[in-house]
Amino acid sequence: MEYVYAALLLHKAGKAVDEAGVASVLKAAGVEVNEARVKALVAALEGVNIDEAISKAAFAAAPAAAAAAPAAGAAAAAPVEDEKKKEEEEASGMEGLGALFG
């Protein structure tokens, strides 16, 4: 993630997003630079309009967040149901053992 942040920082500052720039930002932040990752990032960003990508990502994040809220509610309800099922299974299992001993 640091690599992407470095590229965004360079872009915001109006600097060229190139290997030397990304590596410099990472070094200044105290991150150990992996040259292969830097090259891959710069190659992936070649020809990409970063401003356009950011604006599309900002609009795409809002509906995704709204859709995640109901899903989170459903996910919270699921563990409660699972716990009830486990308790019922344990109780029925104990009844069966009780029948063995009298």
Foldseek 3Di string as FASTA:
>chain_A
DLLVVQQVVCVVVVHDLALVSSVVVCVVVVHDDDSVVSVVVNVVCVPPPVVVVVVVVVVVVVVVVVVVVVVVVVVVVVVVVVVVVVVVVVVVVVVVVVVVVD
